[in-house]
Amino acid sequence: MAKRVVLIGHPVERSLAGALQQAAFDASGIGASYEPLDRLLIDLPAAINELRADEYLGANITVPYKERVVPMLDRMTDEAQHTGAVDTITREGSRLVGHNTDVLGFRPALDALVGKQKMPKAAVVLGAGGGARAVVYGLITNGFQRIIVFNRHLHRAEGMVKHFGRTAAHMELRAMPWHESVIEAELGRAKLLVNASSVGRDGVETPIAQELLPPDLLVLDLLYTPKESRLVREAKATGASSAQNGDLMLLHQTGAAFELWTGKPAPMDVLRERLDAARDELSATREEAAAQAAAGEGDGDGAEQPKAAASAAKGRST
């Protein structure tokens, strides 16, 4: 019987990770399908419970449910326990196990960004969702001594900092208000900037104005669509020591999830080869959905379909 893996979130659409996983399944001769599963919060417990059935290998979890699924699972790995966020679920019989492959993907991405330079000890992190939790945990376990978190909603950043209170007892971990002057001052003290927010995925916006970026900064933008975000582009222009998008993190977390579900090594060459084509296909799909939404709004009738297309175009997936 063919197995299923689902991506659970809301809103959720075709994802780049999904295209990569399907390519990995096919290349490895594994009879499995990867499908988006859009579920409202009220339906989330039932969707998670359904994963206990034999037809499932497991699931990916994306926004806004990475933290909400935690109490619905039977066991969590150390990374998931420490971050308080789950992005991958596997089955042990009828028991569900929560994993955090964001952490597993972030570590090699950070190593590649730093390269032969000395690992810095101070960082600025933008965002306070599941991805940001993985970043903060990865930085703490890499020996960072000062991490400053900025989020548009300060209370979320403060909640994340509180979650890591015991883990970060030996170092300085603080949440600060999102003000340009404060961000500029902190970037002057840090060597590393990580964007773990969703700002910039349209290729037009950027979370940090170029004039606030100091030269010689290490910049990692976890976004992988577009291929080069405005933040990465402007960081390079400002003289960043190194600036990268989220490709490496995506590839490694995708590979980690594949191994968790199948027990087999991920075909990393296949994943690398498929990445650019899958990204182009996903971008084309989103552009088409946005165009349909704009055309529908111009007509002024049949409002439901344009709204759904707009939602699909804006949807954020793992």
C-alpha atoms as a PDB file:
ATOM      1  CA  MET A   1       0.000   0.000   0.000  1.00  0.00           C
ATOM      2  CA  ALA A   2       1.315   3.442  -0.922  1.00  0.00           C
ATOM      3  CA  LYS A   3       2.248   5.541   2.090  1.00  0.00           C
ATOM      4  CA  ARG A   4       1.406   9.160   2.741  1.00  0.00           C
ATOM      5  CA  VAL A   5       3.280  12.136   4.155  1.00  0.00           C
ATOM      6  CA  VAL A   6       1.326  15.341   4.714  1.00  0.00           C
ATOM      7  CA  LEU A   7       2.237  18.958   5.318  1.00  0.00           C
ATOM      8  CA  ILE A   8      -0.113  20.375   7.945  1.00  0.00           C
ATOM      9  CA  GLY A   9      -0.606  24.111   8.390  1.00  0.00           C
ATOM     10  CA  HIS A  10      -2.970  26.995   7.646  1.00  0.00           C
ATOM     11  CA  PRO A  11      -2.922  28.400   5.084  1.00  0.00           C
ATOM     12  CA  VAL A  12      -0.906  25.751   3.305  1.00  0.00           C
ATOM     13  CA  GLU A  13      -0.141  25.187  -0.341  1.00  0.00           C
ATOM     14  CA  ARG A  14       2.310  23.343  -2.558  1.00  0.00           C
ATOM     15  CA  SER A  15       5.718  23.689  -0.925  1.00  0.00           C
ATOM     16  CA  LEU A  16       9.307  23.554  -2.051  1.00  0.00           C
ATOM     17  CA  ALA A  17      10.074  20.991   0.660  1.00  0.00           C
ATOM     18  CA  GLY A  18       7.205  18.885  -0.645  1.00  0.00           C
ATOM     19  CA  ALA A  19       8.565  18.887  -4.186  1.00  0.00           C
ATOM     20  CA  LEU A  20      11.982  17.839  -2.872  1.00  0.00           C
ATOM     21  CA  GLN A  21      10.557  15.060  -0.711  1.00  0.00           C
ATOM     22  CA  GLN A  22       8.531  13.672  -3.604  1.00  0.00           C
ATOM     23  CA  ALA A  23      11.652  13.663  -5.783  1.00  0.00           C
ATOM     24  CA  ALA A  24      13.532  11.833  -3.030  1.00  0.00           C
ATOM     25  CA  PHE A  25      10.766   9.242  -2.619  1.00  0.00           C
ATOM     26  CA  ASP A  26      10.644   8.623  -6.373  1.00  0.00           C
ATOM     27  CA  ALA A  27      14.426   8.412  -6.782  1.00  0.00           C
ATOM     28  CA  SER A  28      14.681   5.950  -3.890  1.00  0.00           C
ATOM     29  CA  GLY A  29      11.878   3.715  -5.145  1.00  0.00           C
ATOM     30  CA  ILE A  30       9.665   4.457  -2.141  1.00  0.00           C
ATOM     31  CA  GLY A  31       5.953   4.316  -2.833  1.00  0.00           C
ATOM     32  CA  ALA A  32       4.895   7.435  -0.967  1.00  0.00           C
ATOM     33  CA  SER A  33       3.129  10.689  -1.758  1.00  0.00           C
ATOM     34  CA  TYR A  34       3.659  14.115  -0.179  1.00  0.00           C
ATOM     35  CA  GLU A  35       0.500  16.218   0.103  1.00  0.00           C
ATOM     36  CA  PRO A  36      -0.452  19.613   1.569  1.00  0.00           C
ATOM     37  CA  LEU A  37      -3.177  19.385   4.213  1.00  0.00           C
ATOM     38  CA  ASP A  38      -4.754  22.729   5.103  1.00  0.00           C
ATOM     39  CA  ARG A  39      -6.465  22.522   8.491  1.00  0.00           C
ATOM     40  CA  LEU A  40      -8.078  25.099  10.750  1.00  0.00           C
ATOM     41  CA  LEU A  41      -6.962  25.128  14.378  1.00  0.00           C
ATOM     42  CA  ILE A  42     -10.207  23.527  15.508  1.00  0.00           C
ATOM     43  CA  ASP A  43      -9.494  20.553  13.213  1.00  0.00           C
ATOM     44  CA  LEU A  44      -5.812  20.208  14.153  1.00  0.00           C
ATOM     45  CA  PRO A  45      -6.187  17.545  16.911  1.00  0.00           C
ATOM     46  CA  ALA A  46      -8.129  15.256  14.564  1.00  0.00           C
ATOM     47  CA  ALA A  47      -5.577  15.746  11.778  1.00  0.00           C
ATOM     48  CA  ILE A  48      -2.709  14.846  14.111  1.00  0.00           C
ATOM     49  CA  ASN A  49      -4.532  11.825  15.520  1.00  0.00           C
ATOM     50  CA  GLU A  50      -5.170  10.553  11.989  1.00  0.00           C
ATOM     51  CA  LEU A  51      -1.392  10.227  11.519  1.00  0.00           C
ATOM     52  CA  ARG A  52      -1.450   7.150  13.780  1.00  0.00           C
ATOM     53  CA  ALA A  53      -2.919   5.104  10.915  1.00  0.00           C
ATOM     54  CA  ASP A  54      -0.661   2.676   9.039  1.00  0.00           C
ATOM     55  CA  GLU A  55      -1.060   4.559   5.752  1.00  0.00           C
ATOM     56  CA  TYR A  56       1.118   7.417   7.069  1.00  0.00           C
ATOM     57  CA  LEU A  57       4.888   7.619   7.260  1.00  0.00           C
ATOM     58  CA  GLY A  58       4.480  10.886   9.119  1.00  0.00           C
ATOM     59  CA  ALA A  59       4.063  14.592   8.545  1.00  0.00           C
ATOM     60  CA  ASN A  60       5.684  17.990   8.320  1.00  0.00           C
ATOM     61  CA  ILE A  61       4.227  20.792  10.427  1.00  0.00           C
ATOM     62  CA  THR A  62       4.372  24.403   9.295  1.00  0.00           C
ATOM     63  CA  VAL A  63       3.035  27.754  10.521  1.00  0.00           C
ATOM     64  CA  PRO A  64       1.161  28.386  12.662  1.00  0.00           C
ATOM     65  CA  TYR A  65       1.184  24.972  14.340  1.00  0.00           C
ATOM     66  CA  LYS A  66       4.821  24.116  15.170  1.00  0.00           C
ATOM     67  CA  GLU A  67       4.280  24.906  18.848  1.00  0.00           C
ATOM     68  CA  ARG A  68       0.610  23.980  19.072  1.00  0.00           C
ATOM     69  CA  VAL A  69       1.127  20.314  18.108  1.00  0.00           C
ATOM     70  CA  VAL A  70       3.514  19.640  21.008  1.00  0.00           C
ATOM     71  CA  PRO A  71       0.884  18.492  23.571  1.00  0.00           C
ATOM     72  CA  MET A  72      -0.782  16.275  20.941  1.00  0.00           C
ATOM     73  CA  LEU A  73       2.252  13.999  20.596  1.00  0.00           C
ATOM     74  CA  ASP A  74       3.408  11.007  22.642  1.00  0.00           C
ATOM     75  CA  ARG A  75       7.117  11.774  22.688  1.00  0.00           C
ATOM     76  CA  MET A  76       9.552  14.445  21.541  1.00  0.00           C
ATOM     77  CA  THR A  77      13.244  14.295  20.667  1.00  0.00           C
ATOM     78  CA  ASP A  78      15.750  16.459  22.524  1.00  0.00           C
ATOM     79  CA  GLU A  79      15.751  19.163  19.830  1.00  0.00           C
ATOM     80  CA  ALA A  80      11.973  19.362  19.840  1.00  0.00           C
ATOM     81  CA  GLN A  81      11.860  19.342  23.637  1.00  0.00           C
ATOM     82  CA  HIS A  82      14.429  22.124  23.985  1.00  0.00           C
ATOM     83  CA  THR A  83      12.922  24.351  21.305  1.00  0.00           C
ATOM     84  CA  GLY A  84       9.285  23.685  22.168  1.00  0.00           C
ATOM     85  CA  ALA A  85       8.588  23.385  18.443  1.00  0.00           C
ATOM     86  CA  VAL A  86       7.927  20.438  16.126  1.00  0.00           C
ATOM     87  CA  ASP A  87       8.269  20.487  12.340  1.00  0.00           C
ATOM     88  CA  THR A  88       8.365  16.738  11.644  1.00  0.00           C
ATOM     89  CA  ILE A  89       6.306  13.850  13.029  1.00  0.00           C
ATOM     90  CA  THR A  90       7.136  10.160  12.766  1.00  0.00           C
ATOM     91  CA  ARG A  91       5.302   7.036  13.892  1.00  0.00           C
ATOM     92  CA  GLU A  92       6.443   4.370  16.340  1.00  0.00           C
ATOM     93  CA  GLY A  93       3.600   1.918  15.931  1.00  0.00           C
ATOM     94  CA  SER A  94       0.598   4.030  16.846  1.00  0.00           C
ATOM     95  CA  ARG A  95       2.686   6.485  18.882  1.00  0.00           C
ATOM     96  CA  LEU A  96       3.629   9.854  17.426  1.00  0.00           C
ATOM     97  CA  VAL A  97       7.106  11.324  17.876  1.00  0.00           C
ATOM     98  CA  GLY A  98       7.903  15.004  17.382  1.00  0.00           C
ATOM     99  CA  HIS A  99      11.203  16.139  15.863  1.00  0.00           C
ATOM    100  CA  ASN A 100      12.780  19.485  15.066  1.00  0.00           C
ATOM    101  CA  THR A 101      14.673  19.189  11.775  1.00  0.00           C
ATOM    102  CA  ASP A 102      15.001  22.989  11.642  1.00  0.00           C
ATOM    103  CA  VAL A 103      17.744  22.583  14.249  1.00  0.00           C
ATOM    104  CA  LEU A 104      19.381  19.792  12.237  1.00  0.00           C
ATOM    105  CA  GLY A 105      19.293  21.981   9.118  1.00  0.00           C
ATOM    106  CA  PHE A 106      20.475  25.187  10.799  1.00  0.00           C
ATOM    107  CA  ARG A 107      23.751  23.780  12.126  1.00  0.00           C
ATOM    108  CA  PRO A 108      25.356  22.942   8.742  1.00  0.00           C
ATOM    109  CA  ALA A 109      23.971  26.183   7.276  1.00  0.00           C
ATOM    110  CA  LEU A 110      25.679  28.175  10.037  1.00  0.00           C
ATOM    111  CA  ASP A 111      28.939  26.274   9.576  1.00  0.00           C
ATOM    112  CA  ALA A 112      28.887  26.951   5.822  1.00  0.00           C
ATOM    113  CA  LEU A 113      28.143  30.652   6.383  1.00  0.00           C
ATOM    114  CA  VAL A 114      31.032  31.107   8.810  1.00  0.00           C
ATOM    115  CA  GLY A 115      33.410  28.985   6.746  1.00  0.00           C
ATOM    116  CA  LYS A 116      37.009  29.224   7.903  1.00  0.00           C
ATOM    117  CA  GLN A 117      36.346  32.295  10.030  1.00  0.00           C
ATOM    118  CA  LYS A 118      36.189  32.049  13.787  1.00  0.00           C
ATOM    119  CA  MET A 119      32.670  31.262  15.013  1.00  0.00           C
ATOM    120  CA  PRO A 120      31.244  34.526  16.404  1.00  0.00           C
ATOM    121  CA  LYS A 121      29.800  34.827  19.886  1.00  0.00           C
ATOM    122  CA  ALA A 122      27.110  37.501  19.367  1.00  0.00           C
ATOM    123  CA  ALA A 123      24.065  37.414  17.095  1.00  0.00           C
ATOM    124  CA  VAL A 124      20.882  39.260  16.196  1.00  0.00           C
ATOM    125  CA  VAL A 125      17.867  37.093  15.352  1.00  0.00           C
ATOM    126  CA  LEU A 126      14.738  38.404  13.621  1.00  0.00           C
ATOM    127  CA  GLY A 127      11.492  36.529  14.295  1.00  0.00           C
ATOM    128  CA  ALA A 128       9.988  34.517  17.131  1.00  0.00           C
ATOM    129  CA  GLY A 129       8.287  31.546  15.444  1.00  0.00           C
ATOM    130  CA  GLY A 130       9.323  27.913  15.190  1.00  0.00           C
ATOM    131  CA  GLY A 131      12.233  28.677  12.866  1.00  0.00           C
ATOM    132  CA  ALA A 132      13.571  31.342  15.234  1.00  0.00           C
ATOM    133  CA  ARG A 133      13.404  28.886  18.132  1.00  0.00           C
ATOM    134  CA  ALA A 134      15.556  26.448  16.169  1.00  0.00           C
ATOM    135  CA  VAL A 135      18.031  29.241  15.382  1.00  0.00           C
ATOM    136  CA  VAL A 136      18.287  30.406  18.998  1.00  0.00           C
ATOM    137  CA  TYR A 137      18.778  26.847  20.251  1.00  0.00           C
ATOM    138  CA  GLY A 138      21.397  26.229  17.560  1.00  0.00           C
ATOM    139  CA  LEU A 139      23.270  29.382  18.549  1.00  0.00           C
ATOM    140  CA  ILE A 140      23.145  28.550  22.267  1.00  0.00           C
ATOM    141  CA  THR A 141      24.526  25.063  21.665  1.00  0.00           C
ATOM    142  CA  ASN A 142      27.231  26.555  19.402  1.00  0.00           C
ATOM    143  CA  GLY A 143      28.589  28.588  22.299  1.00  0.00           C
ATOM    144  CA  PHE A 144      27.168  32.030  21.521  1.00  0.00           C
ATOM    145  CA  GLN A 145      27.324  34.345  24.528  1.00  0.00           C
ATOM    146  CA  ARG A 146      24.939  37.097  23.413  1.00  0.00           C
ATOM    147  CA  ILE A 147      21.746  36.731  21.357  1.00  0.00           C
ATOM    148  CA  ILE A 148      19.306  39.591  20.824  1.00  0.00           C
ATOM    149  CA  VAL A 149      15.863  38.756  19.404  1.00  0.00           C
ATOM    150  CA  PHE A 150      13.664  41.249  17.566  1.00  0.00           C
ATOM    151  CA  ASN A 151      10.056  40.581  16.600  1.00  0.00           C
ATOM    152  CA  ARG A 152       7.267  42.873  15.437  1.00  0.00           C
ATOM    153  CA  HIS A 153       5.196  41.612  18.375  1.00  0.00           C
ATOM    154  CA  LEU A 154       7.547  42.001  21.315  1.00  0.00           C
ATOM    155  CA  HIS A 155       5.543  39.708  23.606  1.00  0.00           C
ATOM    156  CA  ARG A 156       6.219  36.742  21.314  1.00  0.00           C
ATOM    157  CA  ALA A 157       9.958  37.364  21.442  1.00  0.00           C
ATOM    158  CA  GLU A 158       9.765  37.730  25.212  1.00  0.00           C
ATOM    159  CA  GLY A 159       7.869  34.441  25.441  1.00  0.00           C
ATOM    160  CA  MET A 160      10.556  32.679  23.408  1.00  0.00           C
ATOM    161  CA  VAL A 161      13.335  34.123  25.551  1.00  0.00           C
ATOM    162  CA  LYS A 162      11.515  32.955  28.673  1.00  0.00           C
ATOM    163  CA  HIS A 163      11.216  29.451  27.193  1.00  0.00           C
ATOM    164  CA  PHE A 164      15.019  29.269  26.873  1.00  0.00           C
ATOM    165  CA  GLY A 165      15.600  30.719  30.344  1.00  0.00           C
ATOM    166  CA  ARG A 166      17.237  27.623  31.837  1.00  0.00           C
ATOM    167  CA  THR A 167      19.128  26.628  28.664  1.00  0.00           C
ATOM    168  CA  ALA A 168      20.488  30.162  28.296  1.00  0.00           C
ATOM    169  CA  ALA A 169      21.255  30.773  31.976  1.00  0.00           C
ATOM    170  CA  HIS A 170      24.995  31.016  31.246  1.00  0.00           C
ATOM    171  CA  MET A 171      24.704  33.732  28.595  1.00  0.00           C
ATOM    172  CA  GLU A 172      22.785  36.857  27.582  1.00  0.00           C
ATOM    173  CA  LEU A 173      19.551  36.225  25.695  1.00  0.00           C
ATOM    174  CA  ARG A 174      17.217  39.206  25.401  1.00  0.00           C
ATOM    175  CA  ALA A 175      14.144  40.349  23.475  1.00  0.00           C
ATOM    176  CA  MET A 176      14.104  43.951  22.295  1.00  0.00           C
ATOM    177  CA  PRO A 177      11.504  46.181  20.612  1.00  0.00           C
ATOM    178  CA  TRP A 178      11.608  46.447  16.822  1.00  0.00           C
ATOM    179  CA  HIS A 179      12.974  49.980  16.442  1.00  0.00           C
ATOM    180  CA  GLU A 180      15.507  50.859  13.769  1.00  0.00           C
ATOM    181  CA  SER A 181      17.793  52.707  16.174  1.00  0.00           C
ATOM    182  CA  VAL A 182      17.866  49.733  18.561  1.00  0.00           C
ATOM    183  CA  ILE A 183      18.444  47.250  15.730  1.00  0.00           C
ATOM    184  CA  GLU A 184      21.244  49.393  14.298  1.00  0.00           C
ATOM    185  CA  ALA A 185      22.974  49.579  17.686  1.00  0.00           C
ATOM    186  CA  GLU A 186      22.741  45.817  18.199  1.00  0.00           C
ATOM    187  CA  LEU A 187      24.000  45.030  14.702  1.00  0.00           C
ATOM    188  CA  GLY A 188      27.024  47.156  15.538  1.00  0.00           C
ATOM    189  CA  ARG A 189      27.784  44.812  18.426  1.00  0.00           C
ATOM    190  CA  ALA A 190      26.976  41.527  16.669  1.00  0.00           C
ATOM    191  CA  LYS A 191      28.847  39.647  13.982  1.00  0.00           C
ATOM    192  CA  LEU A 192      25.893  37.522  12.822  1.00  0.00           C
ATOM    193  CA  LEU A 193      22.391  38.419  11.614  1.00  0.00           C
ATOM    194  CA  VAL A 194      19.794  35.678  11.062  1.00  0.00           C
ATOM    195  CA  ASN A 195      16.424  36.478   9.504  1.00  0.00           C
ATOM    196  CA  ALA A 196      13.974  33.872  10.761  1.00  0.00           C
ATOM    197  CA  SER A 197      10.931  36.016   9.962  1.00  0.00           C
ATOM    198  CA  SER A 198       8.777  35.810   6.831  1.00  0.00           C
ATOM    199  CA  VAL A 199       9.568  39.395   5.780  1.00  0.00           C
ATOM    200  CA  GLY A 200      11.172  39.398   2.348  1.00  0.00           C
ATOM    201  CA  ARG A 201       9.662  36.332   0.757  1.00  0.00           C
ATOM    202  CA  ASP A 202       8.041  38.534  -1.875  1.00  0.00           C
ATOM    203  CA  GLY A 203      11.491  39.605  -3.078  1.00  0.00           C
ATOM    204  CA  VAL A 204      10.562  43.262  -2.590  1.00  0.00           C
ATOM    205  CA  GLU A 205      10.457  43.832   1.167  1.00  0.00           C
ATOM    206  CA  THR A 206      13.380  43.510   3.548  1.00  0.00           C
ATOM    207  CA  PRO A 207      13.313  43.294   7.338  1.00  0.00           C
ATOM    208  CA  ILE A 208      16.359  45.563   7.713  1.00  0.00           C
ATOM    209  CA  ALA A 209      17.035  48.736   5.718  1.00  0.00           C
ATOM    210  CA  GLN A 210      20.341  48.567   3.858  1.00  0.00           C
ATOM    211  CA  GLU A 211      21.748  51.623   5.614  1.00  0.00           C
ATOM    212  CA  LEU A 212      21.475  49.784   8.954  1.00  0.00           C
ATOM    213  CA  LEU A 213      23.678  46.900   7.803  1.00  0.00           C
ATOM    214  CA  PRO A 214      27.321  47.262   8.861  1.00  0.00           C
ATOM    215  CA  PRO A 215      30.069  45.878   6.604  1.00  0.00           C
ATOM    216  CA  ASP A 216      31.730  42.549   7.460  1.00  0.00           C
ATOM    217  CA  LEU A 217      28.469  41.148   8.841  1.00  0.00           C
ATOM    218  CA  LEU A 218      27.577  37.477   8.465  1.00  0.00           C
ATOM    219  CA  VAL A 219      23.999  37.287   7.155  1.00  0.00           C
ATOM    220  CA  LEU A 220      21.810  34.188   6.949  1.00  0.00           C
ATOM    221  CA  ASP A 221      18.280  34.608   5.593  1.00  0.00           C
ATOM    222  CA  LEU A 222      16.270  31.449   6.220  1.00  0.00           C
ATOM    223  CA  LEU A 223      14.001  32.291   3.276  1.00  0.00           C
ATOM    224  CA  TYR A 224      14.640  30.180   0.193  1.00  0.00           C
ATOM    225  CA  THR A 225      12.115  31.831  -2.102  1.00  0.00           C
ATOM    226  CA  PRO A 226      13.108  33.962  -3.879  1.00  0.00           C
ATOM    227  CA  LYS A 227      16.547  32.487  -4.541  1.00  0.00           C
ATOM    228  CA  GLU A 228      18.166  35.748  -3.456  1.00  0.00           C
ATOM    229  CA  SER A 229      16.194  37.890  -1.052  1.00  0.00           C
ATOM    230  CA  ARG A 230      16.583  41.637  -0.932  1.00  0.00           C
ATOM    231  CA  LEU A 231      18.283  41.291   2.468  1.00  0.00           C
ATOM    232  CA  VAL A 232      20.952  38.963   1.059  1.00  0.00           C
ATOM    233  CA  ARG A 233      21.418  41.129  -2.030  1.00  0.00           C
ATOM    234  CA  GLU A 234      21.831  44.341  -0.030  1.00  0.00           C
ATOM    235  CA  ALA A 235      24.070  42.685   2.560  1.00  0.00           C
ATOM    236  CA  LYS A 236      26.450  41.637  -0.215  1.00  0.00           C
ATOM    237  CA  ALA A 237      26.405  45.165  -1.624  1.00  0.00           C
ATOM    238  CA  THR A 238      27.242  46.568   1.814  1.00  0.00           C
ATOM    239  CA  GLY A 239      30.301  44.332   2.121  1.00  0.00           C
ATOM    240  CA  ALA A 240      29.057  41.405   4.186  1.00  0.00           C
ATOM    241  CA  SER A 241      31.688  38.797   5.065  1.00  0.00           C
ATOM    242  CA  SER A 242      29.208  36.206   3.853  1.00  0.00           C
ATOM    243  CA  ALA A 243      25.496  36.303   2.983  1.00  0.00           C
ATOM    244  CA  GLN A 244      23.384  33.242   2.182  1.00  0.00           C
ATOM    245  CA  ASN A 245      19.755  32.262   1.782  1.00  0.00           C
ATOM    246  CA  GLY A 246      18.021  29.278   3.360  1.00  0.00           C
ATOM    247  CA  ASP A 247      18.893  26.686   0.683  1.00  0.00           C
ATOM    248  CA  LEU A 248      21.391  24.728   2.778  1.00  0.00           C
ATOM    249  CA  MET A 249      19.106  24.654   5.792  1.00  0.00           C
ATOM    250  CA  LEU A 250      16.210  23.488   3.602  1.00  0.00           C
ATOM    251  CA  LEU A 251      18.275  20.727   1.982  1.00  0.00           C
ATOM    252  CA  HIS A 252      19.588  19.388   5.269  1.00  0.00           C
ATOM    253  CA  GLN A 253      16.272  19.500   7.104  1.00  0.00           C
ATOM    254  CA  THR A 254      14.578  17.843   4.118  1.00  0.00           C
ATOM    255  CA  GLY A 255      17.222  15.131   4.140  1.00  0.00           C
ATOM    256  CA  ALA A 256      16.840  14.656   7.891  1.00  0.00           C
ATOM    257  CA  ALA A 257      13.055  14.277   7.636  1.00  0.00           C
ATOM    258  CA  PHE A 258      13.409  11.798   4.758  1.00  0.00           C
ATOM    259  CA  GLU A 259      15.719   9.620   6.856  1.00  0.00           C
ATOM    260  CA  LEU A 260      13.377   9.798   9.845  1.00  0.00           C
ATOM    261  CA  TRP A 261      10.401   8.626   7.779  1.00  0.00           C
ATOM    262  CA  THR A 262      12.121   5.967   5.681  1.00  0.00           C
ATOM    263  CA  GLY A 263      15.151   4.808   7.663  1.00  0.00           C
ATOM    264  CA  LYS A 264      17.232   5.332   4.506  1.00  0.00           C
ATOM    265  CA  PRO A 265      19.917   7.928   3.693  1.00  0.00           C
ATOM    266  CA  ALA A 266      18.491  10.845   1.752  1.00  0.00           C
ATOM    267  CA  PRO A 267      19.572  11.159  -1.907  1.00  0.00           C
ATOM    268  CA  MET A 268      21.177  14.564  -1.364  1.00  0.00           C
ATOM    269  CA  ASP A 269      22.374  14.840  -4.978  1.00  0.00           C
ATOM    270  CA  VAL A 270      18.766  14.461  -6.147  1.00  0.00           C
ATOM    271  CA  LEU A 271      17.614  17.110  -3.678  1.00  0.00           C
ATOM    272  CA  ARG A 272      20.281  19.574  -4.829  1.00  0.00           C
ATOM    273  CA  GLU A 273      19.515  18.972  -8.502  1.00  0.00           C
ATOM    274  CA  ARG A 274      15.767  19.378  -7.984  1.00  0.00           C
ATOM    275  CA  LEU A 275      15.927  22.528  -5.855  1.00  0.00           C
ATOM    276  CA  ASP A 276      16.184  25.266  -8.492  1.00  0.00           C
ATOM    277  CA  ALA A 277      13.616  23.725 -10.847  1.00  0.00           C
ATOM    278  CA  ALA A 278      11.160  23.167  -8.000  1.00  0.00           C
ATOM    279  CA  ARG A 279      11.636  26.755  -6.819  1.00  0.00           C
ATOM    280  CA  ASP A 280      10.925  28.098 -10.314  1.00  0.00           C
ATOM    281  CA  GLU A 281       7.782  25.959 -10.574  1.00  0.00           C
ATOM    282  CA  LEU A 282       6.552  27.109  -7.167  1.00  0.00           C
ATOM    283  CA  SER A 283       7.199  30.770  -7.999  1.00  0.00           C
ATOM    284  CA  ALA A 284       5.283  30.424 -11.260  1.00  0.00           C
ATOM    285  CA  THR A 285       2.340  28.855  -9.413  1.00  0.00           C
ATOM    286  CA  ARG A 286       2.260  31.674  -6.868  1.00  0.00           C
ATOM    287  CA  GLU A 287       2.510  34.346  -9.553  1.00  0.00           C
ATOM    288  CA  GLU A 288      -0.373  32.767 -11.451  1.00  0.00           C
ATOM    289  CA  ALA A 289      -2.489  32.641  -8.287  1.00  0.00           C
ATOM    290  CA  ALA A 290      -1.706  36.290  -7.543  1.00  0.00           C
ATOM    291  CA  ALA A 291      -2.588  37.295 -11.094  1.00  0.00           C
ATOM    292  CA  GLN A 292      -5.913  35.440 -10.900  1.00  0.00           C
ATOM    293  CA  ALA A 293      -6.668  37.134  -7.590  1.00  0.00           C
ATOM    294  CA  ALA A 294      -5.900  40.569  -9.041  1.00  0.00           C
ATOM    295  CA  ALA A 295      -8.035  39.882 -12.126  1.00  0.00           C
ATOM    296  CA  GLY A 296     -10.933  38.710  -9.981  1.00  0.00           C
ATOM    297  CA  GLU A 297     -10.796  41.776  -7.761  1.00  0.00           C
ATOM    298  CA  GLY A 298     -10.835  43.938 -10.872  1.00  0.00           C
ATOM    299  CA  ASP A 299     -14.009  42.252 -12.071  1.00  0.00           C
ATOM    300  CA  GLY A 300     -15.725  42.974  -8.778  1.00  0.00           C
ATOM    301  CA  ASP A 301     -17.761  39.753  -8.768  1.00  0.00           C
ATOM    302  CA  GLY A 302     -17.258  36.210  -7.561  1.00  0.00           C
ATOM    303  CA  ALA A 303     -15.248  37.315  -4.525  1.00  0.00           C
ATOM    304  CA  GLU A 304     -14.696  33.890  -2.985  1.00  0.00           C
ATOM    305  CA  GLN A 305     -12.411  32.491  -5.669  1.00  0.00           C
ATOM    306  CA  PRO A 306     -10.063  35.524  -5.764  1.00  0.00           C
ATOM    307  CA  LYS A 307      -9.776  35.431  -1.974  1.00  0.00           C
ATOM    308  CA  ALA A 308      -8.790  31.778  -2.066  1.00  0.00           C
ATOM    309  CA  ALA A 309      -6.230  32.457  -4.803  1.00  0.00           C
ATOM    310  CA  ALA A 310      -4.794  35.369  -2.851  1.00  0.00           C
ATOM    311  CA  SER A 311      -4.542  33.182   0.233  1.00  0.00           C
ATOM    312  CA  ALA A 312      -2.710  30.551  -1.755  1.00  0.00           C
ATOM    313  CA  ALA A 313      -0.331  33.143  -3.140  1.00  0.00           C
ATOM    314  CA  LYS A 314       0.489  34.445   0.333  1.00  0.00           C
ATOM    315  CA  GLY A 315       0.501  31.076   2.078  1.00  0.00           C
ATOM    316  CA  ARG A 316       3.657  30.209   3.991  1.00  0.00           C
ATOM    317  CA  SER A 317       4.922  26.629   3.824  1.00  0.00           C
ATOM    318  CA  THR A 318       7.839  24.786   5.317  1.00  0.00           C
END
